């Protein structure tokens, strides 16, 4: 199957460092919640949630990247996932409060 949208969730887990990594802060729970919400909510596009390695912006908390447009959401919590799917994938609007500020 070819997917229109890829949702990459950082699940990087590093040990022996002072800073937490996304995997330690919900990464795997976020992947599971995205998969659940993609099944429950109907979208026009075919989307897939994937685990990813480090996305390079650890200081901003659990990170989600949505492609092909390259939108980065940071500080994402499991309770944010439904809003991201509803707004970004269904309504085609970004969740401004979670966007990585450039």
Protein backbone atom coordinates (compact mmCIF):
# COMPACT_ATOMS: atom_id res chain seq x y z
CA UNK A 1 0.00 0.00 0.00
CA UNK A 2 1.19 3.50 -0.80
CA UNK A 3 0.59 6.07 1.93
CA UNK A 4 -0.16 9.75 1.32
CA UNK A 5 0.89 10.79 4.80
CA UNK A 6 3.65 9.47 7.06
CA UNK A 7 3.62 10.29 10.75
CA UNK A 8 7.04 9.78 12.30
CA UNK A 9 7.14 9.60 16.09
CA UNK A 10 10.52 9.78 17.78
CA UNK A 11 11.00 6.68 19.90
CA UNK A 12 14.71 7.20 20.46
CA UNK A 13 15.87 5.93 23.83
CA UNK A 14 19.27 6.85 25.11
CA UNK A 15 20.68 5.74 28.40
CA UNK A 16 23.41 7.23 30.49
CA UNK A 17 22.52 10.83 29.62
CA UNK A 18 21.12 13.53 31.85
CA UNK A 19 18.49 14.54 29.27
CA UNK A 20 15.51 12.32 28.67
CA UNK A 21 14.81 11.20 25.15
CA UNK A 22 11.44 11.00 23.41
CA UNK A 23 11.18 7.23 23.79
CA UNK A 24 11.45 7.59 27.53
CA UNK A 25 8.81 10.31 27.44
CA UNK A 26 5.93 8.59 25.67
CA UNK A 27 7.32 7.80 22.21
CA UNK A 28 5.93 4.27 22.04
CA UNK A 29 2.63 5.32 23.64
CA UNK A 30 2.30 8.07 21.03
CA UNK A 31 2.81 5.61 18.16
CA UNK A 32 0.12 3.34 19.59
CA UNK A 33 -2.28 6.25 20.07
CA UNK A 34 -1.73 7.53 16.51
CA UNK A 35 -2.46 4.04 15.15
CA UNK A 36 -5.62 3.84 17.27
CA UNK A 37 -6.86 7.28 16.20
CA UNK A 38 -6.10 6.63 12.52
CA UNK A 39 -8.31 3.54 12.72
CA UNK A 40 -11.12 5.28 14.60
CA UNK A 41 -11.21 8.58 12.71
CA UNK A 42 -11.93 8.56 9.03
CA UNK A 43 -9.54 10.51 6.82
CA UNK A 44 -9.50 11.07 3.08
CA UNK A 45 -5.80 10.27 2.94
CA UNK A 46 -4.06 7.02 3.67
CA UNK A 47 -1.79 7.61 6.63
CA UNK A 48 0.69 5.52 8.55
CA UNK A 49 2.21 6.11 11.96
CA UNK A 50 5.82 4.94 12.26
CA UNK A 51 8.45 4.81 14.95
CA UNK A 52 11.52 6.84 14.11
CA UNK A 53 14.93 7.39 15.52
CA UNK A 54 16.05 10.73 16.86
CA UNK A 55 14.61 13.68 14.95
CA UNK A 56 17.31 15.97 16.35
CA UNK A 57 15.24 18.34 18.46
CA UNK A 58 15.20 16.59 21.84
CA UNK A 59 15.05 19.83 23.84
CA UNK A 60 11.45 20.36 22.74
CA UNK A 61 10.07 17.13 24.16
CA UNK A 62 8.34 14.26 22.40
CA UNK A 63 8.46 15.06 18.69
CA UNK A 64 6.19 14.07 15.79
CA UNK A 65 7.01 14.83 12.14
CA UNK A 66 4.31 14.64 9.48
CA UNK A 67 5.33 14.20 5.87
CA UNK A 68 5.25 14.96 2.98
CA UNK A 69 4.93 18.61 4.11
CA UNK A 70 7.47 18.34 6.94
CA UNK A 71 5.40 19.65 9.84
CA UNK A 72 7.00 19.14 13.25
CA UNK A 73 4.92 18.98 16.41
CA UNK A 74 6.78 19.14 19.73
CA UNK A 75 5.95 18.48 23.34
CA UNK A 76 3.28 16.07 22.15
CA UNK A 77 1.29 14.16 24.76
CA UNK A 78 -1.01 11.19 24.15
CA UNK A 79 -4.03 13.42 24.77
CA UNK A 80 -2.90 15.64 21.83
CA UNK A 81 -2.98 12.85 19.25
CA UNK A 82 -6.72 12.95 18.51
CA UNK A 83 -6.54 16.72 17.99
CA UNK A 84 -3.58 16.34 15.62
CA UNK A 85 -5.39 13.69 13.56
CA UNK A 86 -8.67 15.63 13.49
CA UNK A 87 -7.11 18.99 12.69
CA UNK A 88 -4.07 18.16 10.57
CA UNK A 89 -5.31 15.13 8.64
CA UNK A 90 -9.06 15.71 8.44
CA UNK A 91 -9.56 19.49 8.59
CA UNK A 92 -6.17 20.26 6.97
CA UNK A 93 -5.25 22.84 9.63
CA UNK A 94 -2.21 22.71 11.87
CA UNK A 95 -2.32 22.55 15.64
CA UNK A 96 -0.57 25.86 16.24
CA UNK A 97 0.13 25.38 19.95
CA UNK A 98 2.24 22.25 19.22
CA UNK A 99 4.15 23.49 16.18
CA UNK A 100 7.93 23.72 16.30
CA UNK A 101 8.69 27.43 16.19
CA UNK A 102 11.49 28.23 13.73
